[in-house]
N, C-alpha and C. Protein backbone atom coordinates (compact mmCIF):
# COMPACT_ATOMS: atom_id res chain seq x y z
N MET A 1 -8.01 18.20 -0.75
CA MET A 1 -8.00 17.87 -2.16
C MET A 1 -8.44 19.07 -2.98
N ASP A 2 -9.31 19.90 -2.44
CA ASP A 2 -9.80 21.04 -3.21
C ASP A 2 -8.70 22.04 -3.54
N ASN A 3 -7.67 22.12 -2.72
CA ASN A 3 -6.58 23.08 -2.93
C ASN A 3 -5.30 22.43 -3.44
N ARG A 4 -5.37 21.21 -3.93
CA ARG A 4 -4.14 20.50 -4.27
C ARG A 4 -3.36 21.16 -5.38
N ARG A 5 -3.99 21.79 -6.34
CA ARG A 5 -3.26 22.46 -7.43
C ARG A 5 -2.52 23.69 -6.91
N THR A 6 -3.04 24.33 -5.89
CA THR A 6 -2.37 25.47 -5.28
C THR A 6 -1.23 25.00 -4.39
N LEU A 7 -1.48 23.97 -3.59
CA LEU A 7 -0.47 23.46 -2.67
C LEU A 7 0.66 22.72 -3.38
N THR A 8 0.35 22.12 -4.51
CA THR A 8 1.35 21.36 -5.28
C THR A 8 1.30 21.82 -6.74
N PRO A 9 1.83 23.01 -7.01
CA PRO A 9 1.70 23.59 -8.36
C PRO A 9 2.35 22.77 -9.47
N TRP A 10 3.31 21.90 -9.13
CA TRP A 10 3.93 21.06 -10.16
C TRP A 10 2.92 20.11 -10.80
N LEU A 11 1.80 19.86 -10.14
CA LEU A 11 0.78 18.99 -10.73
C LEU A 11 0.18 19.58 -12.00
N ASN A 12 0.25 20.92 -12.13
CA ASN A 12 -0.30 21.56 -13.32
C ASN A 12 0.41 21.12 -14.59
N ASN A 13 1.65 20.65 -14.47
CA ASN A 13 2.42 20.19 -15.63
C ASN A 13 2.38 18.68 -15.80
N ALA A 14 1.70 17.98 -14.91
CA ALA A 14 1.66 16.51 -14.98
C ALA A 14 0.78 16.06 -16.13
N VAL A 15 1.19 14.99 -16.77
CA VAL A 15 0.38 14.39 -17.83
C VAL A 15 -0.90 13.80 -17.23
N GLU A 16 -0.77 13.25 -16.04
CA GLU A 16 -1.90 12.63 -15.36
C GLU A 16 -1.74 12.86 -13.86
N SER A 17 -2.83 13.12 -13.19
CA SER A 17 -2.80 13.34 -11.75
C SER A 17 -4.09 12.82 -11.15
N TRP A 18 -3.96 12.02 -10.10
CA TRP A 18 -5.12 11.44 -9.42
C TRP A 18 -5.07 11.82 -7.96
N ALA A 19 -6.18 12.24 -7.43
CA ALA A 19 -6.28 12.54 -6.00
C ALA A 19 -7.50 11.81 -5.47
N ALA A 20 -7.42 11.40 -4.21
CA ALA A 20 -8.54 10.68 -3.62
C ALA A 20 -8.63 10.99 -2.14
N VAL A 21 -9.86 11.01 -1.67
CA VAL A 21 -10.13 11.02 -0.24
C VAL A 21 -10.48 9.58 0.11
N LEU A 22 -9.73 9.02 1.05
CA LEU A 22 -9.90 7.61 1.41
C LEU A 22 -10.38 7.49 2.85
N GLN A 23 -11.22 6.49 3.11
CA GLN A 23 -11.70 6.20 4.46
C GLN A 23 -11.29 4.78 4.81
N PRO A 24 -10.37 4.59 5.76
CA PRO A 24 -9.98 3.22 6.12
C PRO A 24 -11.17 2.44 6.69
N PHE A 25 -11.29 1.19 6.27
CA PHE A 25 -12.31 0.32 6.86
C PHE A 25 -11.70 -0.93 7.47
N ARG A 26 -10.40 -1.15 7.26
CA ARG A 26 -9.71 -2.28 7.89
C ARG A 26 -8.23 -1.93 7.96
N HIS A 27 -7.64 -2.17 9.12
CA HIS A 27 -6.21 -1.89 9.30
C HIS A 27 -5.63 -2.92 10.27
N LEU A 28 -4.53 -3.52 9.86
CA LEU A 28 -3.80 -4.45 10.72
C LEU A 28 -2.31 -4.15 10.62
N GLY A 29 -1.62 -4.35 11.72
CA GLY A 29 -0.17 -4.21 11.71
C GLY A 29 0.29 -2.87 12.25
N GLU A 30 1.59 -2.63 12.06
CA GLU A 30 2.23 -1.44 12.57
C GLU A 30 3.05 -0.77 11.49
N ALA A 31 3.17 0.56 11.61
CA ALA A 31 4.04 1.36 10.75
C ALA A 31 4.65 2.46 11.61
N ASN A 32 5.67 3.12 11.08
CA ASN A 32 6.38 4.10 11.90
C ASN A 32 6.12 5.55 11.49
N TYR A 33 5.00 5.82 10.87
CA TYR A 33 4.72 7.18 10.38
C TYR A 33 4.31 8.15 11.48
N LEU A 34 3.63 7.69 12.49
CA LEU A 34 3.13 8.57 13.54
C LEU A 34 4.13 8.75 14.68
N ASP A 35 4.92 7.72 14.95
CA ASP A 35 5.92 7.76 16.02
C ASP A 35 7.06 6.82 15.61
N ALA A 36 8.06 7.38 14.95
CA ALA A 36 9.13 6.54 14.39
C ALA A 36 9.82 5.65 15.42
N PRO A 37 10.12 6.13 16.63
CA PRO A 37 10.78 5.25 17.60
C PRO A 37 9.87 4.13 18.14
N GLN A 38 8.56 4.36 18.11
CA GLN A 38 7.62 3.36 18.63
C GLN A 38 6.51 3.12 17.60
N PRO A 39 6.78 2.32 16.56
CA PRO A 39 5.76 2.06 15.54
C PRO A 39 4.49 1.47 16.15
N GLY A 40 3.39 1.77 15.53
CA GLY A 40 2.12 1.26 16.02
C GLY A 40 1.05 1.32 14.95
N ALA A 41 -0.17 1.07 15.37
CA ALA A 41 -1.31 1.14 14.45
C ALA A 41 -1.47 2.58 13.95
N LEU A 42 -2.01 2.73 12.76
CA LEU A 42 -2.15 4.05 12.17
C LEU A 42 -3.51 4.68 12.43
N PHE A 43 -4.52 3.87 12.71
CA PHE A 43 -5.88 4.38 12.84
C PHE A 43 -6.53 3.83 14.11
N ASP A 44 -7.28 4.69 14.78
CA ASP A 44 -8.02 4.27 15.98
C ASP A 44 -9.41 3.75 15.64
N SER A 45 -9.98 4.27 14.58
CA SER A 45 -11.34 3.85 14.23
C SER A 45 -11.42 3.59 12.74
N MET A 46 -12.39 2.79 12.38
CA MET A 46 -12.59 2.40 10.99
C MET A 46 -13.96 2.87 10.51
N GLY A 47 -14.02 3.14 9.22
CA GLY A 47 -15.30 3.48 8.62
C GLY A 47 -16.07 2.22 8.29
N PRO A 48 -17.25 2.40 7.72
CA PRO A 48 -18.07 1.25 7.35
C PRO A 48 -17.47 0.48 6.17
N LEU A 49 -17.87 -0.78 6.05
CA LEU A 49 -17.45 -1.57 4.90
C LEU A 49 -18.00 -0.94 3.63
N PRO A 50 -17.25 -1.00 2.54
CA PRO A 50 -17.75 -0.43 1.28
C PRO A 50 -18.82 -1.34 0.67
N ALA A 51 -19.57 -0.78 -0.25
CA ALA A 51 -20.52 -1.59 -1.02
C ALA A 51 -19.73 -2.65 -1.78
N ALA A 52 -20.36 -3.76 -2.08
CA ALA A 52 -19.68 -4.89 -2.73
C ALA A 52 -19.05 -4.49 -4.07
N ASP A 53 -19.64 -3.54 -4.78
CA ASP A 53 -19.12 -3.16 -6.09
C ASP A 53 -18.31 -1.86 -6.06
N ALA A 54 -17.96 -1.38 -4.87
CA ALA A 54 -17.22 -0.12 -4.75
C ALA A 54 -15.72 -0.34 -4.90
N PRO A 55 -15.03 0.56 -5.58
CA PRO A 55 -13.58 0.45 -5.67
C PRO A 55 -12.94 0.67 -4.31
N ILE A 56 -11.78 0.05 -4.10
CA ILE A 56 -11.04 0.24 -2.85
C ILE A 56 -9.56 0.48 -3.17
N VAL A 57 -8.87 1.02 -2.19
CA VAL A 57 -7.43 1.20 -2.25
C VAL A 57 -6.83 0.43 -1.08
N VAL A 58 -5.77 -0.32 -1.35
CA VAL A 58 -5.06 -1.06 -0.31
C VAL A 58 -3.67 -0.47 -0.19
N ILE A 59 -3.31 -0.11 1.03
CA ILE A 59 -2.00 0.46 1.32
C ILE A 59 -1.27 -0.52 2.23
N THR A 60 -0.12 -1.01 1.80
CA THR A 60 0.67 -1.93 2.61
C THR A 60 2.02 -1.28 2.90
N SER A 61 2.60 -1.65 4.02
CA SER A 61 3.92 -1.13 4.37
C SER A 61 4.75 -2.23 5.00
N SER A 62 6.05 -2.01 4.97
CA SER A 62 6.99 -2.91 5.65
C SER A 62 8.08 -2.04 6.25
N GLY A 63 8.63 -2.49 7.37
CA GLY A 63 9.66 -1.70 8.00
C GLY A 63 10.64 -2.53 8.79
N TRP A 64 11.77 -1.92 9.08
CA TRP A 64 12.84 -2.58 9.79
C TRP A 64 13.38 -1.66 10.87
N VAL A 65 13.89 -2.27 11.93
CA VAL A 65 14.61 -1.51 12.95
C VAL A 65 15.96 -1.18 12.33
N THR A 66 16.23 0.11 12.17
CA THR A 66 17.47 0.52 11.49
C THR A 66 18.59 0.70 12.51
N GLY A 67 19.77 0.83 12.00
CA GLY A 67 20.96 0.99 12.84
C GLY A 67 21.98 -0.08 12.49
N GLU A 68 22.98 -0.21 13.31
CA GLU A 68 24.06 -1.16 13.03
C GLU A 68 23.60 -2.60 13.00
N GLN A 69 22.53 -2.93 13.73
CA GLN A 69 22.04 -4.30 13.79
C GLN A 69 21.21 -4.69 12.57
N LEU A 70 20.92 -3.73 11.69
CA LEU A 70 20.08 -4.02 10.53
C LEU A 70 20.77 -5.00 9.59
N ASP A 71 20.10 -6.09 9.30
CA ASP A 71 20.60 -7.11 8.37
C ASP A 71 20.03 -6.80 6.99
N MET A 72 20.85 -6.20 6.14
CA MET A 72 20.38 -5.79 4.81
C MET A 72 19.98 -6.99 3.95
N ASN A 73 20.46 -8.19 4.26
CA ASN A 73 20.02 -9.37 3.51
C ASN A 73 18.53 -9.61 3.72
N ARG A 74 18.04 -9.38 4.95
CA ARG A 74 16.59 -9.50 5.20
C ARG A 74 15.82 -8.48 4.37
N VAL A 75 16.32 -7.25 4.34
CA VAL A 75 15.66 -6.19 3.57
C VAL A 75 15.62 -6.57 2.09
N ARG A 76 16.75 -7.03 1.57
CA ARG A 76 16.82 -7.43 0.15
C ARG A 76 15.88 -8.59 -0.14
N GLU A 77 15.85 -9.59 0.74
CA GLU A 77 14.97 -10.75 0.52
C GLU A 77 13.50 -10.33 0.52
N PHE A 78 13.13 -9.49 1.47
CA PHE A 78 11.75 -9.01 1.52
C PHE A 78 11.45 -8.20 0.25
N SER A 79 12.37 -7.30 -0.12
CA SER A 79 12.18 -6.45 -1.30
C SER A 79 12.08 -7.28 -2.58
N ASN A 80 12.88 -8.33 -2.68
CA ASN A 80 12.79 -9.23 -3.84
C ASN A 80 11.41 -9.88 -3.90
N GLY A 81 10.87 -10.24 -2.73
CA GLY A 81 9.53 -10.81 -2.68
C GLY A 81 8.48 -9.80 -3.14
N VAL A 82 8.63 -8.53 -2.73
CA VAL A 82 7.70 -7.48 -3.17
C VAL A 82 7.77 -7.34 -4.68
N MET A 83 8.98 -7.33 -5.23
CA MET A 83 9.12 -7.21 -6.69
C MET A 83 8.48 -8.40 -7.39
N SER A 84 8.61 -9.58 -6.82
CA SER A 84 7.99 -10.77 -7.39
C SER A 84 6.47 -10.65 -7.39
N VAL A 85 5.92 -10.17 -6.28
CA VAL A 85 4.47 -9.99 -6.18
C VAL A 85 4.01 -8.95 -7.20
N ARG A 86 4.71 -7.83 -7.26
CA ARG A 86 4.31 -6.78 -8.21
C ARG A 86 4.37 -7.28 -9.65
N ALA A 87 5.40 -8.07 -9.98
CA ALA A 87 5.49 -8.62 -11.33
C ALA A 87 4.33 -9.57 -11.61
N SER A 88 3.89 -10.29 -10.58
CA SER A 88 2.80 -11.26 -10.77
C SER A 88 1.44 -10.57 -10.94
N MET A 89 1.38 -9.28 -10.66
CA MET A 89 0.11 -8.57 -10.71
C MET A 89 -0.30 -8.16 -12.12
N THR A 90 0.60 -8.29 -13.07
CA THR A 90 0.29 -7.90 -14.45
C THR A 90 -0.92 -8.68 -14.95
N GLY A 91 -1.94 -7.96 -15.31
CA GLY A 91 -3.15 -8.59 -15.86
C GLY A 91 -4.08 -9.19 -14.84
N VAL A 92 -3.88 -8.92 -13.54
CA VAL A 92 -4.77 -9.48 -12.51
C VAL A 92 -6.16 -8.86 -12.67
N GLU A 93 -7.16 -9.70 -12.69
CA GLU A 93 -8.55 -9.26 -12.82
C GLU A 93 -8.93 -8.34 -11.67
N GLY A 94 -9.42 -7.16 -12.00
CA GLY A 94 -9.91 -6.23 -10.99
C GLY A 94 -8.87 -5.26 -10.45
N LEU A 95 -7.61 -5.39 -10.88
CA LEU A 95 -6.57 -4.46 -10.43
C LEU A 95 -6.48 -3.30 -11.40
N TYR A 96 -6.70 -2.09 -10.90
CA TYR A 96 -6.58 -0.90 -11.74
C TYR A 96 -5.14 -0.43 -11.82
N SER A 97 -4.43 -0.44 -10.68
CA SER A 97 -3.07 0.08 -10.68
C SER A 97 -2.34 -0.39 -9.42
N GLN A 98 -1.01 -0.41 -9.52
CA GLN A 98 -0.17 -0.74 -8.37
C GLN A 98 1.10 0.08 -8.45
N GLN A 99 1.49 0.62 -7.29
CA GLN A 99 2.66 1.48 -7.19
C GLN A 99 3.39 1.20 -5.88
N SER A 100 4.69 1.44 -5.87
CA SER A 100 5.46 1.42 -4.62
C SER A 100 6.09 2.79 -4.43
N PHE A 101 6.16 3.22 -3.18
CA PHE A 101 6.71 4.52 -2.85
C PHE A 101 7.74 4.39 -1.74
N PHE A 102 8.83 5.13 -1.90
CA PHE A 102 9.86 5.22 -0.88
C PHE A 102 9.98 6.69 -0.49
N PHE A 103 10.19 6.93 0.77
CA PHE A 103 10.34 8.28 1.27
C PHE A 103 11.82 8.63 1.33
N PRO A 104 12.15 9.92 1.43
CA PRO A 104 13.57 10.29 1.57
C PRO A 104 14.23 9.50 2.71
N ARG A 105 15.48 9.18 2.52
CA ARG A 105 16.27 8.36 3.46
C ARG A 105 15.72 6.95 3.56
N VAL A 106 15.10 6.50 2.52
CA VAL A 106 14.58 5.17 2.21
C VAL A 106 14.00 4.38 3.39
N LEU A 107 14.78 3.86 4.30
CA LEU A 107 14.27 2.98 5.35
C LEU A 107 13.92 3.72 6.65
N GLU A 108 14.14 5.03 6.68
CA GLU A 108 13.80 5.79 7.89
C GLU A 108 12.29 5.70 8.16
N TYR A 109 11.51 5.79 7.09
CA TYR A 109 10.06 5.59 7.18
C TYR A 109 9.70 4.41 6.30
N ASP A 110 8.74 3.63 6.74
CA ASP A 110 8.39 2.38 6.08
C ASP A 110 7.94 2.61 4.63
N PRO A 111 8.53 1.88 3.68
CA PRO A 111 8.10 1.96 2.29
C PRO A 111 6.64 1.49 2.15
N VAL A 112 5.98 1.99 1.12
CA VAL A 112 4.55 1.77 0.93
C VAL A 112 4.27 1.20 -0.46
N THR A 113 3.34 0.27 -0.52
CA THR A 113 2.79 -0.18 -1.80
C THR A 113 1.31 0.17 -1.78
N LEU A 114 0.85 0.74 -2.88
CA LEU A 114 -0.54 1.17 -3.00
C LEU A 114 -1.15 0.47 -4.21
N THR A 115 -2.28 -0.18 -4.00
CA THR A 115 -2.99 -0.82 -5.10
C THR A 115 -4.42 -0.29 -5.15
N VAL A 116 -4.91 -0.12 -6.36
CA VAL A 116 -6.28 0.37 -6.58
C VAL A 116 -7.05 -0.77 -7.24
N TRP A 117 -8.18 -1.15 -6.62
CA TRP A 117 -8.94 -2.33 -7.02
C TRP A 117 -10.37 -1.99 -7.41
N ARG A 118 -10.91 -2.79 -8.28
CA ARG A 118 -12.32 -2.66 -8.70
C ARG A 118 -13.26 -2.80 -7.51
N ASP A 119 -12.93 -3.74 -6.59
CA ASP A 119 -13.77 -4.00 -5.43
C ASP A 119 -13.01 -4.85 -4.42
N SER A 120 -13.58 -5.03 -3.25
CA SER A 120 -12.93 -5.81 -2.18
C SER A 120 -12.70 -7.25 -2.57
N ALA A 121 -13.64 -7.84 -3.30
CA ALA A 121 -13.50 -9.25 -3.68
C ALA A 121 -12.27 -9.46 -4.55
N ALA A 122 -12.01 -8.57 -5.50
CA ALA A 122 -10.84 -8.70 -6.36
C ALA A 122 -9.55 -8.59 -5.55
N ALA A 123 -9.51 -7.65 -4.62
CA ALA A 123 -8.32 -7.48 -3.77
C ALA A 123 -8.12 -8.71 -2.89
N ARG A 124 -9.18 -9.19 -2.29
CA ARG A 124 -9.10 -10.36 -1.40
C ARG A 124 -8.68 -11.61 -2.17
N ASP A 125 -9.25 -11.82 -3.35
CA ASP A 125 -8.90 -12.99 -4.15
C ASP A 125 -7.41 -13.00 -4.49
N PHE A 126 -6.88 -11.84 -4.85
CA PHE A 126 -5.46 -11.77 -5.17
C PHE A 126 -4.61 -11.97 -3.91
N ALA A 127 -4.95 -11.28 -2.84
CA ALA A 127 -4.12 -11.30 -1.63
C ALA A 127 -4.05 -12.68 -0.99
N TYR A 128 -5.17 -13.39 -0.97
CA TYR A 128 -5.22 -14.64 -0.20
C TYR A 128 -5.41 -15.89 -1.05
N GLY A 129 -5.57 -15.70 -2.35
CA GLY A 129 -5.67 -16.85 -3.25
C GLY A 129 -4.28 -17.39 -3.56
N PRO A 130 -4.22 -18.40 -4.41
CA PRO A 130 -2.91 -18.98 -4.76
C PRO A 130 -2.08 -17.98 -5.56
N GLY A 131 -0.77 -18.06 -5.39
CA GLY A 131 0.11 -17.20 -6.18
C GLY A 131 1.21 -16.57 -5.36
N ALA A 132 1.91 -15.63 -6.00
CA ALA A 132 3.11 -15.02 -5.42
C ALA A 132 2.82 -14.30 -4.11
N HIS A 133 1.69 -13.60 -4.00
CA HIS A 133 1.41 -12.87 -2.77
C HIS A 133 1.21 -13.82 -1.59
N ARG A 134 0.42 -14.84 -1.80
CA ARG A 134 0.18 -15.83 -0.74
C ARG A 134 1.51 -16.44 -0.29
N LEU A 135 2.38 -16.77 -1.24
CA LEU A 135 3.69 -17.34 -0.91
C LEU A 135 4.53 -16.36 -0.09
N GLN A 136 4.47 -15.08 -0.43
CA GLN A 136 5.25 -14.10 0.32
C GLN A 136 4.70 -13.88 1.73
N ILE A 137 3.38 -13.96 1.89
CA ILE A 137 2.79 -13.89 3.23
C ILE A 137 3.34 -15.03 4.08
N GLU A 138 3.32 -16.23 3.53
CA GLU A 138 3.82 -17.40 4.26
C GLU A 138 5.31 -17.27 4.55
N ARG A 139 6.05 -16.75 3.60
CA ARG A 139 7.48 -16.56 3.79
C ARG A 139 7.77 -15.55 4.90
N GLN A 140 7.03 -14.45 4.93
CA GLN A 140 7.20 -13.47 6.00
C GLN A 140 6.87 -14.08 7.36
N GLN A 141 5.82 -14.87 7.40
CA GLN A 141 5.43 -15.50 8.67
C GLN A 141 6.48 -16.49 9.16
N SER A 142 7.11 -17.22 8.25
CA SER A 142 8.07 -18.24 8.67
C SER A 142 9.50 -17.70 8.82
N GLN A 143 9.86 -16.68 8.04
CA GLN A 143 11.25 -16.21 8.05
C GLN A 143 11.44 -14.83 8.68
N ASN A 144 10.35 -14.12 8.98
CA ASN A 144 10.43 -12.81 9.62
C ASN A 144 11.41 -11.89 8.90
N LEU A 145 11.17 -11.65 7.63
CA LEU A 145 12.08 -10.83 6.82
C LEU A 145 11.92 -9.34 7.09
N ALA A 146 10.77 -8.92 7.60
CA ALA A 146 10.56 -7.51 7.98
C ALA A 146 10.22 -7.47 9.46
N ASP A 147 10.63 -6.41 10.12
CA ASP A 147 10.34 -6.27 11.55
C ASP A 147 8.89 -5.90 11.82
N ARG A 148 8.26 -5.27 10.84
CA ARG A 148 6.85 -4.91 10.97
C ARG A 148 6.25 -4.79 9.58
N THR A 149 4.97 -5.06 9.50
CA THR A 149 4.22 -4.86 8.27
C THR A 149 2.85 -4.32 8.65
N SER A 150 2.19 -3.72 7.68
CA SER A 150 0.82 -3.28 7.90
C SER A 150 0.07 -3.33 6.59
N PHE A 151 -1.25 -3.43 6.70
CA PHE A 151 -2.08 -3.21 5.53
C PHE A 151 -3.33 -2.47 5.96
N THR A 152 -3.76 -1.59 5.08
CA THR A 152 -4.96 -0.79 5.32
C THR A 152 -5.81 -0.85 4.07
N ARG A 153 -7.06 -1.20 4.24
CA ARG A 153 -8.01 -1.17 3.13
C ARG A 153 -8.87 0.07 3.30
N CYS A 154 -9.07 0.78 2.20
CA CYS A 154 -9.78 2.05 2.24
C CYS A 154 -10.89 2.11 1.20
N THR A 155 -12.00 2.69 1.61
CA THR A 155 -13.07 3.03 0.69
C THR A 155 -12.67 4.31 -0.03
N VAL A 156 -12.96 4.37 -1.31
CA VAL A 156 -12.70 5.59 -2.08
C VAL A 156 -13.92 6.48 -1.91
N VAL A 157 -13.75 7.56 -1.16
CA VAL A 157 -14.86 8.47 -0.86
C VAL A 157 -15.08 9.45 -2.01
N ARG A 158 -13.98 9.96 -2.55
CA ARG A 158 -14.06 10.97 -3.60
C ARG A 158 -12.76 10.96 -4.39
N THR A 159 -12.83 11.16 -5.68
CA THR A 159 -11.62 11.21 -6.50
C THR A 159 -11.68 12.37 -7.47
N GLU A 160 -10.50 12.67 -7.98
CA GLU A 160 -10.37 13.65 -9.04
C GLU A 160 -9.26 13.19 -9.97
N GLY A 161 -9.54 13.09 -11.25
CA GLY A 161 -8.54 12.69 -12.23
C GLY A 161 -8.43 11.19 -12.38
N PRO A 162 -7.73 10.75 -13.44
CA PRO A 162 -7.54 9.31 -13.69
C PRO A 162 -6.29 8.77 -13.00
N TRP A 163 -6.29 7.47 -12.74
CA TRP A 163 -5.11 6.75 -12.25
C TRP A 163 -4.73 5.76 -13.33
N HIS A 164 -3.65 6.03 -14.01
CA HIS A 164 -3.21 5.21 -15.15
C HIS A 164 -4.33 5.04 -16.16
N GLY A 165 -4.98 6.14 -16.48
CA GLY A 165 -6.02 6.14 -17.51
C GLY A 165 -7.38 5.67 -17.04
N VAL A 166 -7.51 5.28 -15.79
CA VAL A 166 -8.80 4.78 -15.28
C VAL A 166 -9.36 5.77 -14.29
N SER A 167 -10.60 6.14 -14.46
CA SER A 167 -11.28 6.95 -13.47
C SER A 167 -11.88 6.03 -12.43
N VAL A 168 -11.43 6.16 -11.20
CA VAL A 168 -11.87 5.27 -10.12
C VAL A 168 -12.98 5.96 -9.35
C-alpha cells in the first residue's frame, strides 16, 4: 500500500482512491483465483475476530465451470439475483459501500462483490436477516445456480483515502 501511487500512477488522477490492508477472519467456500482448474479455499489461516465496533469488508465470489457445458441461463439467473441484492442494499443501515468487479474474460475468474460495513453486526443482519439476500442464499441452495461461491470477512487493518466519501 505504501507504494501504490508509484505502482499505479493512474491513481494520481483519480477523484477518489481508497486502499486497505485487510486481514481475513472468516472464509467459506471456493474460488478459482489460486488454481483455476481446481478451485478451492483462498486462505489457510484466519486472523482474530474484529472488535464489535470495527469496520469490516466482505468479499463474495461466484463461479461456474466454463466450456461448452456452461448453461448461460444459470449464470444469468444468478447474476439477476446479485443485481436484485445490490439494488436492495440502498440505504441499508451500516453499509458504507458496495461494488461488483469482473476480471478480463469475465467468467474465466470468479466475479467479486465487495461490501464495506460499519461492523460485523450490520453485515450479519443484512446477510442473514429477511430480504433479498436471504432469498438469494435459499435460491442458490435449492437451484444450484452457481458451481461455486465463497465469502470472506476481513478486518480493516489499515486504510488510506475515502471510499465513496467515507473514511473507513
